[in-house]
Amino acid sequence: MKKTVLFILTVLIGSAVSTFSYSEETVAQLKEKIIDIQNAGELGFRNFTLCTNIIGYGQYVAAPDNKVKAGSEIYFYYEPVNLFTNRLNQSYQIWYTQDMIILSQDGKELYRASDALNFNYQSLAPVMDIYASNTLNLKEVPPGIYQFQAVIHDKLKKRDATYSFVFEVVP
């Protein structure tokens, strides 16, 4: 009886280990496929949102509209898509920078922060989900209609993408 129970337990544990190994390998292969698709895809933005609060990836409180109070601070949330992932010596690297530009209603550049964000990250596991946030202080911005431009520069893919968001500063 003890030998039978031990045999069944060994078989069950062996099955669980081989299933776990198979699942782990399958997940790793899927991640590699996703990296291939992203590396071939067009660089861009997803979920670009004016926010009142940013908590983390996919977690933010969207502003009710594009109107912001003069003198306040505003937050933009976005997820860059199709950043190039470099595979290097069994590690993974992502590197991009982002410019922030403010334009007046007639298209005149009022503010530029080149490389306001510089994300150069290397790890042993691929990064699958990335988000970024930008903060602007409007303390000296008079009421009016403005355009915020975020420009991401993928340093490894050698590609750029721009997203424009129109907002209104109200008294």
Foldseek 3Di string as FASTA:
>chain_A
DVVVVVVVVVVVVVVVVVVVVVVVVVVQVVVVVQLVVLQPDDKDKDPWAKFPADDDFVDTHGDPDQEDEAQAKIKIKIWITSFHWDCDPQKTWWWKFKKKWKAAPVGHTDDIDGRPDIDIDMGNDDDDTDMDMDMDGRHPPDWHKMKIKMKMAGPVSRDIYIDIDIHTHDD
